[in-house]
Amino acid sequence: MGKAPHGRKRPSLAARDGRTGPIRHGSNWVGIEDVAEAAGITKRTLHAHFDSKDRLVAEVLEAQHVLSLERIARWAEGLEGSPEEIIGSVFE
């Protein structure tokens, strides 16, 4: 686990969910080594799939976006009532 900006320890993805680690802590705190280790692959393999750390982060964000929209759609399928009632139920 290396040092992050401002002398703080960089979080290790090996000890947390690799899908949320970079988002919670900022991509500058997460090293390619951490991502490769969490995925169980080598840095070389990771670089073969992503030409940059920014591209990797963009892909993670896109995947999370798709999953979030699918989850919202499943939730919305069971809704009943007027738009006002539905919105009100979200904040209860």
PDB file of N, CA and C in Angstrom:
ATOM      1  N   MET A   1       0.867  -1.169   0.000  1.00  0.00           N
ATOM      2  CA  MET A   1       0.000   0.000   0.000  1.00  0.00           C
ATOM      3  C   MET A   1       0.909   1.225   0.000  1.00  0.00           C
ATOM      4  N   GLY A   2       0.951   2.041  -1.014  1.00  0.00           N
ATOM      5  CA  GLY A   2       1.826   3.195  -1.088  1.00  0.00           C
ATOM      6  C   GLY A   2       1.221   4.427  -0.460  1.00  0.00           C
ATOM      7  N   LYS A   3       1.910   5.528  -0.640  1.00  0.00           N
ATOM      8  CA  LYS A   3       1.411   6.805  -0.124  1.00  0.00           C
ATOM      9  C   LYS A   3       0.616   7.517  -1.205  1.00  0.00           C
ATOM     10  N   ALA A   4      -0.462   8.112  -0.813  1.00  0.00           N
ATOM     11  CA  ALA A   4      -1.295   8.887  -1.711  1.00  0.00           C
ATOM     12  C   ALA A   4      -0.917  10.353  -1.565  1.00  0.00           C
ATOM     13  N   PRO A   5      -1.514  11.236  -2.346  1.00  0.00           N
ATOM     14  CA  PRO A   5      -1.236  12.657  -2.185  1.00  0.00           C
ATOM     15  C   PRO A   5      -1.443  13.099  -0.737  1.00  0.00           C
ATOM     16  N   HIS A   6      -0.693  14.042  -0.304  1.00  0.00           N
ATOM     17  CA  HIS A   6      -0.789  14.614   1.035  1.00  0.00           C
ATOM     18  C   HIS A   6      -0.346  13.641   2.122  1.00  0.00           C
ATOM     19  N   GLY A   7       0.462  12.619   1.766  1.00  0.00           N
ATOM     20  CA  GLY A   7       1.015  11.708   2.749  1.00  0.00           C
ATOM     21  C   GLY A   7       0.055  10.678   3.306  1.00  0.00           C
ATOM     22  N   ARG A   8      -1.195  10.638   2.857  1.00  0.00           N
ATOM     23  CA  ARG A   8      -2.151   9.641   3.344  1.00  0.00           C
ATOM     24  C   ARG A   8      -1.877   8.296   2.689  1.00  0.00           C
ATOM     25  N   LYS A   9      -2.227   7.235   3.393  1.00  0.00           N
ATOM     26  CA  LYS A   9      -2.052   5.909   2.825  1.00  0.00           C
ATOM     27  C   LYS A   9      -3.033   5.698   1.683  1.00  0.00           C
ATOM     28  N   ARG A  10      -2.557   5.080   0.623  1.00  0.00           N
ATOM     29  CA  ARG A  10      -3.400   4.747  -0.519  1.00  0.00           C
ATOM     30  C   ARG A  10      -4.222   3.516  -0.174  1.00  0.00           C
ATOM     31  N   PRO A  11      -5.534   3.535  -0.392  1.00  0.00           N
ATOM     32  CA  PRO A  11      -6.335   2.352  -0.089  1.00  0.00           C
ATOM     33  C   PRO A  11      -5.978   1.211  -1.029  1.00  0.00           C
ATOM     34  N   SER A  12      -5.983   0.007  -0.532  1.00  0.00           N
ATOM     35  CA  SER A  12      -5.700  -1.163  -1.350  1.00  0.00           C
ATOM     36  C   SER A  12      -7.011  -1.771  -1.803  1.00  0.00           C
ATOM     37  N   LEU A  13      -7.149  -1.982  -3.094  1.00  0.00           N
ATOM     38  CA  LEU A  13      -8.369  -2.602  -3.611  1.00  0.00           C
ATOM     39  C   LEU A  13      -8.443  -4.075  -3.252  1.00  0.00           C
ATOM     40  N   ALA A  14      -7.316  -4.663  -2.905  1.00  0.00           N
ATOM     41  CA  ALA A  14      -7.333  -6.083  -2.554  1.00  0.00           C
ATOM     42  C   ALA A  14      -8.171  -6.316  -1.301  1.00  0.00           C
ATOM     43  N   ALA A  15      -8.321  -5.296  -0.481  1.00  0.00           N
ATOM     44  CA  ALA A  15      -9.050  -5.438   0.780  1.00  0.00           C
ATOM     45  C   ALA A  15     -10.463  -4.884   0.706  1.00  0.00           C
ATOM     46  N   ARG A  16     -10.882  -4.423  -0.448  1.00  0.00           N
ATOM     47  CA  ARG A  16     -12.228  -3.856  -0.583  1.00  0.00           C
ATOM     48  C   ARG A  16     -12.803  -4.196  -1.953  1.00  0.00           C
ATOM     49  N   ASP A  17     -14.011  -3.833  -2.157  1.00  0.00           N
ATOM     50  CA  ASP A  17     -14.687  -4.098  -3.423  1.00  0.00           C
ATOM     51  C   ASP A  17     -14.018  -3.267  -4.516  1.00  0.00           C
ATOM     52  N   GLY A  18     -13.443  -3.911  -5.506  1.00  0.00           N
ATOM     53  CA  GLY A  18     -12.732  -3.226  -6.573  1.00  0.00           C
ATOM     54  C   GLY A  18     -13.597  -2.305  -7.411  1.00  0.00           C
ATOM     55  N   ARG A  19     -14.902  -2.515  -7.381  1.00  0.00           N
ATOM     56  CA  ARG A  19     -15.769  -1.645  -8.186  1.00  0.00           C
ATOM     57  C   ARG A  19     -15.979  -0.290  -7.534  1.00  0.00           C
ATOM     58  N   THR A  20     -15.863  -0.202  -6.227  1.00  0.00           N
ATOM     59  CA  THR A  20     -16.136   1.069  -5.570  1.00  0.00           C
ATOM     60  C   THR A  20     -14.893   1.762  -5.056  1.00  0.00           C
ATOM     61  N   GLY A  21     -13.801   1.035  -4.878  1.00  0.00           N
ATOM     62  CA  GLY A  21     -12.580   1.623  -4.342  1.00  0.00           C
ATOM     63  C   GLY A  21     -12.117   2.861  -5.086  1.00  0.00           C
ATOM     64  N   PRO A  22     -11.945   2.790  -6.420  1.00  0.00           N
ATOM     65  CA  PRO A  22     -11.479   3.968  -7.135  1.00  0.00           C
ATOM     66  C   PRO A  22     -12.445   5.141  -7.047  1.00  0.00           C
ATOM     67  N   ILE A  23     -13.724   4.858  -7.004  1.00  0.00           N
ATOM     68  CA  ILE A  23     -14.712   5.926  -6.961  1.00  0.00           C
ATOM     69  C   ILE A  23     -14.679   6.622  -5.604  1.00  0.00           C
ATOM     70  N   ARG A  24     -14.623   5.848  -4.538  1.00  0.00           N
ATOM     71  CA  ARG A  24     -14.626   6.423  -3.195  1.00  0.00           C
ATOM     72  C   ARG A  24     -13.373   7.234  -2.902  1.00  0.00           C
ATOM     73  N   HIS A  25     -12.240   6.771  -3.388  1.00  0.00           N
ATOM     74  CA  HIS A  25     -10.983   7.360  -2.979  1.00  0.00           C
ATOM     75  C   HIS A  25     -10.307   8.189  -4.062  1.00  0.00           C
ATOM     76  N   GLY A  26     -10.876   8.252  -5.226  1.00  0.00           N
ATOM     77  CA  GLY A  26     -10.278   9.012  -6.318  1.00  0.00           C
ATOM     78  C   GLY A  26      -9.266   8.171  -7.061  1.00  0.00           C
ATOM     79  N   SER A  27      -9.264   8.282  -8.375  1.00  0.00           N
ATOM     80  CA  SER A  27      -8.403   7.415  -9.170  1.00  0.00           C
ATOM     81  C   SER A  27      -6.931   7.704  -8.952  1.00  0.00           C
ATOM     82  N   ASN A  28      -6.569   8.888  -8.468  1.00  0.00           N
ATOM     83  CA  ASN A  28      -5.163   9.183  -8.216  1.00  0.00           C
ATOM     84  C   ASN A  28      -4.625   8.429  -7.013  1.00  0.00           C
ATOM     85  N   TRP A  29      -5.486   7.909  -6.177  1.00  0.00           N
ATOM     86  CA  TRP A  29      -5.064   7.168  -4.984  1.00  0.00           C
ATOM     87  C   TRP A  29      -4.921   5.685  -5.267  1.00  0.00           C
ATOM     88  N   VAL A  30      -5.431   5.222  -6.380  1.00  0.00           N
ATOM     89  CA  VAL A  30      -5.436   3.804  -6.680  1.00  0.00           C
ATOM     90  C   VAL A  30      -4.411   3.531  -7.770  1.00  0.00           C
ATOM     91  N   GLY A  31      -3.469   2.668  -7.455  1.00  0.00           N
ATOM     92  CA  GLY A  31      -2.441   2.330  -8.438  1.00  0.00           C
ATOM     93  C   GLY A  31      -2.877   1.202  -9.350  1.00  0.00           C
ATOM     94  N   ILE A  32      -2.278   1.156 -10.519  1.00  0.00           N
ATOM     95  CA  ILE A  32      -2.547   0.084 -11.464  1.00  0.00           C
ATOM     96  C   ILE A  32      -2.228  -1.265 -10.813  1.00  0.00           C
ATOM     97  N   GLU A  33      -1.189  -1.290  -9.986  1.00  0.00           N
ATOM     98  CA  GLU A  33      -0.838  -2.525  -9.282  1.00  0.00           C
ATOM     99  C   GLU A  33      -1.990  -2.993  -8.402  1.00  0.00           C
ATOM    100  N   ASP A  34      -2.642  -2.050  -7.709  1.00  0.00           N
ATOM    101  CA  ASP A  34      -3.772  -2.375  -6.836  1.00  0.00           C
ATOM    102  C   ASP A  34      -4.926  -2.962  -7.636  1.00  0.00           C
ATOM    103  N   VAL A  35      -5.217  -2.345  -8.775  1.00  0.00           N
ATOM    104  CA  VAL A  35      -6.336  -2.806  -9.612  1.00  0.00           C
ATOM    105  C   VAL A  35      -6.035  -4.200 -10.153  1.00  0.00           C
ATOM    106  N   ALA A  36      -4.830  -4.390 -10.659  1.00  0.00           N
ATOM    107  CA  ALA A  36      -4.453  -5.700 -11.200  1.00  0.00           C
ATOM    108  C   ALA A  36      -4.524  -6.770 -10.118  1.00  0.00           C
ATOM    109  N   GLU A  37      -4.023  -6.461  -8.932  1.00  0.00           N
ATOM    110  CA  GLU A  37      -4.051  -7.417  -7.831  1.00  0.00           C
ATOM    111  C   GLU A  37      -5.491  -7.771  -7.457  1.00  0.00           C
ATOM    112  N   ALA A  38      -6.352  -6.764  -7.358  1.00  0.00           N
ATOM    113  CA  ALA A  38      -7.755  -7.008  -7.002  1.00  0.00           C
ATOM    114  C   ALA A  38      -8.453  -7.856  -8.057  1.00  0.00           C
ATOM    115  N   ALA A  39      -8.053  -7.690  -9.318  1.00  0.00           N
ATOM    116  CA  ALA A  39      -8.665  -8.448 -10.410  1.00  0.00           C
ATOM    117  C   ALA A  39      -8.027  -9.820 -10.590  1.00  0.00           C
ATOM    118  N   GLY A  40      -6.900 -10.053  -9.917  1.00  0.00           N
ATOM    119  CA  GLY A  40      -6.223 -11.334 -10.039  1.00  0.00           C
ATOM    120  C   GLY A  40      -5.478 -11.489 -11.351  1.00  0.00           C
ATOM    121  N   ILE A  41      -5.011 -10.365 -11.913  1.00  0.00           N
ATOM    122  CA  ILE A  41      -4.269 -10.394 -13.173  1.00  0.00           C
ATOM    123  C   ILE A  41      -2.976  -9.610 -13.018  1.00  0.00           C
ATOM    124  N   THR A  42      -2.135  -9.675 -14.013  1.00  0.00           N
ATOM    125  CA  THR A  42      -0.884  -8.927 -13.975  1.00  0.00           C
ATOM    126  C   THR A  42      -1.101  -7.524 -14.542  1.00  0.00           C
ATOM    127  N   LYS A  43      -0.167  -6.635 -14.218  1.00  0.00           N
ATOM    128  CA  LYS A  43      -0.217  -5.279 -14.787  1.00  0.00           C
ATOM    129  C   LYS A  43      -0.172  -5.348 -16.311  1.00  0.00           C
ATOM    130  N   ARG A  44       0.628  -6.258 -16.830  1.00  0.00           N
ATOM    131  CA  ARG A  44       0.763  -6.378 -18.287  1.00  0.00           C
ATOM    132  C   ARG A  44      -0.587  -6.724 -18.927  1.00  0.00           C
ATOM    133  N   THR A  45      -1.305  -7.653 -18.313  1.00  0.00           N
ATOM    134  CA  THR A  45      -2.621  -8.018 -18.836  1.00  0.00           C
ATOM    135  C   THR A  45      -3.579  -6.841 -18.750  1.00  0.00           C
ATOM    136  N   LEU A  46      -3.540  -6.128 -17.650  1.00  0.00           N
ATOM    137  CA  LEU A  46      -4.403  -4.953 -17.489  1.00  0.00           C
ATOM    138  C   LEU A  46      -4.113  -3.925 -18.568  1.00  0.00           C
ATOM    139  N   HIS A  47      -2.834  -3.663 -18.813  1.00  0.00           N
ATOM    140  CA  HIS A  47      -2.453  -2.695 -19.843  1.00  0.00           C
ATOM    141  C   HIS A  47      -2.815  -3.169 -21.249  1.00  0.00           C
ATOM    142  N   ALA A  48      -2.925  -4.474 -21.431  1.00  0.00           N
ATOM    143  CA  ALA A  48      -3.329  -5.002 -22.739  1.00  0.00           C
ATOM    144  C   ALA A  48      -4.792  -4.680 -23.028  1.00  0.00           C
ATOM    145  N   HIS A  49      -5.574  -4.492 -21.964  1.00  0.00           N
ATOM    146  CA  HIS A  49      -7.001  -4.210 -22.131  1.00  0.00           C
ATOM    147  C   HIS A  49      -7.345  -2.731 -22.040  1.00  0.00           C
ATOM    148  N   PHE A  50      -6.525  -1.957 -21.336  1.00  0.00           N
ATOM    149  CA  PHE A  50      -6.793  -0.529 -21.127  1.00  0.00           C
ATOM    150  C   PHE A  50      -5.510   0.243 -21.399  1.00  0.00           C
ATOM    151  N   ASP A  51      -5.579   1.193 -22.306  1.00  0.00           N
ATOM    152  CA  ASP A  51      -4.368   1.927 -22.679  1.00  0.00           C
ATOM    153  C   ASP A  51      -3.974   2.994 -21.670  1.00  0.00           C
ATOM    154  N   SER A  52      -4.855   3.295 -20.731  1.00  0.00           N
ATOM    155  CA  SER A  52      -4.523   4.286 -19.707  1.00  0.00           C
ATOM    156  C   SER A  52      -5.400   4.074 -18.478  1.00  0.00           C
ATOM    157  N   LYS A  53      -4.967   4.657 -17.380  1.00  0.00           N
ATOM    158  CA  LYS A  53      -5.755   4.602 -16.150  1.00  0.00           C
ATOM    159  C   LYS A  53      -7.078   5.341 -16.346  1.00  0.00           C
ATOM    160  N   ASP A  54      -7.049   6.445 -17.074  1.00  0.00           N
ATOM    161  CA  ASP A  54      -8.282   7.189 -17.339  1.00  0.00           C
ATOM    162  C   ASP A  54      -9.290   6.332 -18.102  1.00  0.00           C
ATOM    163  N   ARG A  55      -8.808   5.549 -19.080  1.00  0.00           N
ATOM    164  CA  ARG A  55      -9.699   4.677 -19.849  1.00  0.00           C
ATOM    165  C   ARG A  55     -10.308   3.607 -18.943  1.00  0.00           C
ATOM    166  N   LEU A  56      -9.494   3.068 -18.039  1.00  0.00           N
ATOM    167  CA  LEU A  56      -9.975   2.072 -17.085  1.00  0.00           C
ATOM    168  C   LEU A  56     -11.066   2.660 -16.197  1.00  0.00           C
ATOM    169  N   VAL A  57     -10.824   3.842 -15.653  1.00  0.00           N
ATOM    170  CA  VAL A  57     -11.812   4.499 -14.790  1.00  0.00           C
ATOM    171  C   VAL A  57     -13.084   4.786 -15.580  1.00  0.00           C
ATOM    172  N   ALA A  58     -12.940   5.236 -16.818  1.00  0.00           N
ATOM    173  CA  ALA A  58     -14.109   5.510 -17.660  1.00  0.00           C
ATOM    174  C   ALA A  58     -14.935   4.243 -17.883  1.00  0.00           C
ATOM    175  N   GLU A  59     -14.256   3.124 -18.109  1.00  0.00           N
ATOM    176  CA  GLU A  59     -14.961   1.854 -18.308  1.00  0.00           C
ATOM    177  C   GLU A  59     -15.689   1.414 -17.037  1.00  0.00           C
ATOM    178  N   VAL A  60     -15.049   1.585 -15.892  1.00  0.00           N
ATOM    179  CA  VAL A  60     -15.690   1.238 -14.614  1.00  0.00           C
ATOM    180  C   VAL A  60     -16.934   2.097 -14.404  1.00  0.00           C
ATOM    181  N   LEU A  61     -16.801   3.398 -14.656  1.00  0.00           N
ATOM    182  CA  LEU A  61     -17.946   4.298 -14.485  1.00  0.00           C
ATOM    183  C   LEU A  61     -19.077   3.947 -15.438  1.00  0.00           C
ATOM    184  N   GLU A  62     -18.752   3.605 -16.673  1.00  0.00           N
ATOM    185  CA  GLU A  62     -19.779   3.227 -17.646  1.00  0.00           C
ATOM    186  C   GLU A  62     -20.493   1.952 -17.200  1.00  0.00           C
ATOM    187  N   ALA A  63     -19.729   0.972 -16.733  1.00  0.00           N
ATOM    188  CA  ALA A  63     -20.332  -0.281 -16.271  1.00  0.00           C
ATOM    189  C   ALA A  63     -21.241  -0.030 -15.072  1.00  0.00           C
ATOM    190  N   GLN A  64     -20.798   0.810 -14.142  1.00  0.00           N
ATOM    191  CA  GLN A  64     -21.616   1.128 -12.976  1.00  0.00           C
ATOM    192  C   GLN A  64     -22.882   1.879 -13.383  1.00  0.00           C
ATOM    193  N   HIS A  65     -22.776   2.731 -14.382  1.00  0.00           N
ATOM    194  CA  HIS A  65     -23.933   3.474 -14.887  1.00  0.00           C
ATOM    195  C   HIS A  65     -24.988   2.504 -15.425  1.00  0.00           C
ATOM    196  N   VAL A  66     -24.544   1.546 -16.234  1.00  0.00           N
ATOM    197  CA  VAL A  66     -25.465   0.562 -16.806  1.00  0.00           C
ATOM    198  C   VAL A  66     -26.124  -0.256 -15.695  1.00  0.00           C
ATOM    199  N   LEU A  67     -25.325  -0.720 -14.739  1.00  0.00           N
ATOM    200  CA  LEU A  67     -25.883  -1.498 -13.629  1.00  0.00           C
ATOM    201  C   LEU A  67     -26.886  -0.681 -12.816  1.00  0.00           C
ATOM    202  N   SER A  68     -26.578   0.583 -12.597  1.00  0.00           N
ATOM    203  CA  SER A  68     -27.487   1.452 -11.836  1.00  0.00           C
ATOM    204  C   SER A  68     -28.804   1.643 -12.569  1.00  0.00           C
ATOM    205  N   LEU A  69     -28.744   1.875 -13.871  1.00  0.00           N
ATOM    206  CA  LEU A  69     -29.979   2.043 -14.646  1.00  0.00           C
ATOM    207  C   LEU A  69     -30.815   0.767 -14.647  1.00  0.00           C
ATOM    208  N   GLU A  70     -30.163  -0.383 -14.734  1.00  0.00           N
ATOM    209  CA  GLU A  70     -30.890  -1.655 -14.679  1.00  0.00           C
ATOM    210  C   GLU A  70     -31.564  -1.832 -13.320  1.00  0.00           C
ATOM    211  N   ARG A  71     -30.857  -1.473 -12.263  1.00  0.00           N
ATOM    212  CA  ARG A  71     -31.418  -1.601 -10.907  1.00  0.00           C
ATOM    213  C   ARG A  71     -32.611  -0.664 -10.727  1.00  0.00           C
ATOM    214  N   ILE A  72     -32.506   0.549 -11.223  1.00  0.00           N
ATOM    215  CA  ILE A  72     -33.615   1.506 -11.139  1.00  0.00           C
ATOM    216  C   ILE A  72     -34.809   0.998 -11.928  1.00  0.00           C
ATOM    217  N   ALA A  73     -34.556   0.442 -13.117  1.00  0.00           N
ATOM    218  CA  ALA A  73     -35.648  -0.074 -13.950  1.00  0.00           C
ATOM    219  C   ALA A  73     -36.376  -1.219 -13.245  1.00  0.00           C
ATOM    220  N   ARG A  74     -35.615  -2.125 -12.598  1.00  0.00           N
ATOM    221  CA  ARG A  74     -36.260  -3.231 -11.858  1.00  0.00           C
ATOM    222  C   ARG A  74     -37.101  -2.679 -10.713  1.00  0.00           C
ATOM    223  N   TRP A  75     -36.571  -1.691 -10.007  1.00  0.00           N
ATOM    224  CA  TRP A  75     -37.309  -1.072  -8.902  1.00  0.00           C
ATOM    225  C   TRP A  75     -38.589  -0.418  -9.421  1.00  0.00           C
ATOM    226  N   ALA A  76     -38.495   0.285 -10.548  1.00  0.00           N
ATOM    227  CA  ALA A  76     -39.621   1.043 -11.077  1.00  0.00           C
ATOM    228  C   ALA A  76     -40.742   0.145 -11.596  1.00  0.00           C
ATOM    229  N   GLU A  77     -40.409  -1.074 -11.989  1.00  0.00           N
ATOM    230  CA  GLU A  77     -41.432  -1.990 -12.511  1.00  0.00           C
ATOM    231  C   GLU A  77     -42.549  -2.253 -11.500  1.00  0.00           C
ATOM    232  N   GLY A  78     -42.230  -2.226 -10.231  1.00  0.00           N
ATOM    233  CA  GLY A  78     -43.227  -2.536  -9.208  1.00  0.00           C
ATOM    234  C   GLY A  78     -43.976  -1.332  -8.674  1.00  0.00           C
ATOM    235  N   LEU A  79     -43.729  -0.164  -9.230  1.00  0.00           N
ATOM    236  CA  LEU A  79     -44.369   1.045  -8.717  1.00  0.00           C
ATOM    237  C   LEU A  79     -45.807   1.163  -9.184  1.00  0.00           C
ATOM    238  N   GLU A  80     -46.631   1.651  -8.294  1.00  0.00           N
ATOM    239  CA  GLU A  80     -48.030   1.913  -8.626  1.00  0.00           C
ATOM    240  C   GLU A  80     -48.405   3.262  -8.062  1.00  0.00           C
ATOM    241  N   GLY A  81     -49.355   3.907  -8.691  1.00  0.00           N
ATOM    242  CA  GLY A  81     -49.846   5.191  -8.206  1.00  0.00           C
ATOM    243  C   GLY A  81     -49.465   6.321  -9.139  1.00  0.00           C
ATOM    244  N   SER A  82     -49.889   7.497  -8.740  1.00  0.00           N
ATOM    245  CA  SER A  82     -49.594   8.690  -9.538  1.00  0.00           C
ATOM    246  C   SER A  82     -48.128   9.071  -9.359  1.00  0.00           C
ATOM    247  N   PRO A  83     -47.595   9.885 -10.257  1.00  0.00           N
ATOM    248  CA  PRO A  83     -46.210  10.348 -10.095  1.00  0.00           C
ATOM    249  C   PRO A  83     -45.982  11.004  -8.731  1.00  0.00           C
ATOM    250  N   GLU A  84     -46.949  11.775  -8.259  1.00  0.00           N
ATOM    251  CA  GLU A  84     -46.818  12.438  -6.964  1.00  0.00           C
ATOM    252  C   GLU A  84     -46.718  11.424  -5.833  1.00  0.00           C
ATOM    253  N   GLU A  85     -47.549  10.375  -5.904  1.00  0.00           N
ATOM    254  CA  GLU A  85     -47.519   9.333  -4.876  1.00  0.00           C
ATOM    255  C   GLU A  85     -46.191   8.559  -4.894  1.00  0.00           C
ATOM    256  N   ILE A  86     -45.734   8.277  -6.093  1.00  0.00           N
ATOM    257  CA  ILE A  86     -44.479   7.526  -6.229  1.00  0.00           C
ATOM    258  C   ILE A  86     -43.311   8.334  -5.681  1.00  0.00           C
ATOM    259  N   ILE A  87     -43.233   9.605  -6.044  1.00  0.00           N
ATOM    260  CA  ILE A  87     -42.156  10.470  -5.543  1.00  0.00           C
ATOM    261  C   ILE A  87     -42.262  10.611  -4.041  1.00  0.00           C
ATOM    262  N   GLY A  88     -43.472  10.755  -3.529  1.00  0.00           N
ATOM    263  CA  GLY A  88     -43.662  10.859  -2.094  1.00  0.00           C
ATOM    264  C   GLY A  88     -43.188   9.614  -1.359  1.00  0.00           C
ATOM    265  N   SER A  89     -43.401   8.435  -1.967  1.00  0.00           N
ATOM    266  CA  SER A  89     -43.000   7.184  -1.316  1.00  0.00           C
ATOM    267  C   SER A  89     -41.473   7.053  -1.259  1.00  0.00           C
ATOM    268  N   VAL A  90     -40.784   7.672  -2.169  1.00  0.00           N
ATOM    269  CA  VAL A  90     -39.318   7.611  -2.169  1.00  0.00           C
ATOM    270  C   VAL A  90     -38.760   8.331  -0.942  1.00  0.00           C
ATOM    271  N   PHE A  91     -39.427   9.379  -0.504  1.00  0.00           N
ATOM    272  CA  PHE A  91     -38.914  10.206   0.601  1.00  0.00           C
ATOM    273  C   PHE A  91     -39.521   9.869   1.949  1.00  0.00           C
ATOM    274  N   GLU A  92     -40.327   8.831   2.013  1.00  0.00           N
ATOM    275  CA  GLU A  92     -40.915   8.423   3.297  1.00  0.00           C
ATOM    276  C   GLU A  92     -39.943   7.650   4.132  1.00  0.00           C
TER     277      GLU A  92
END
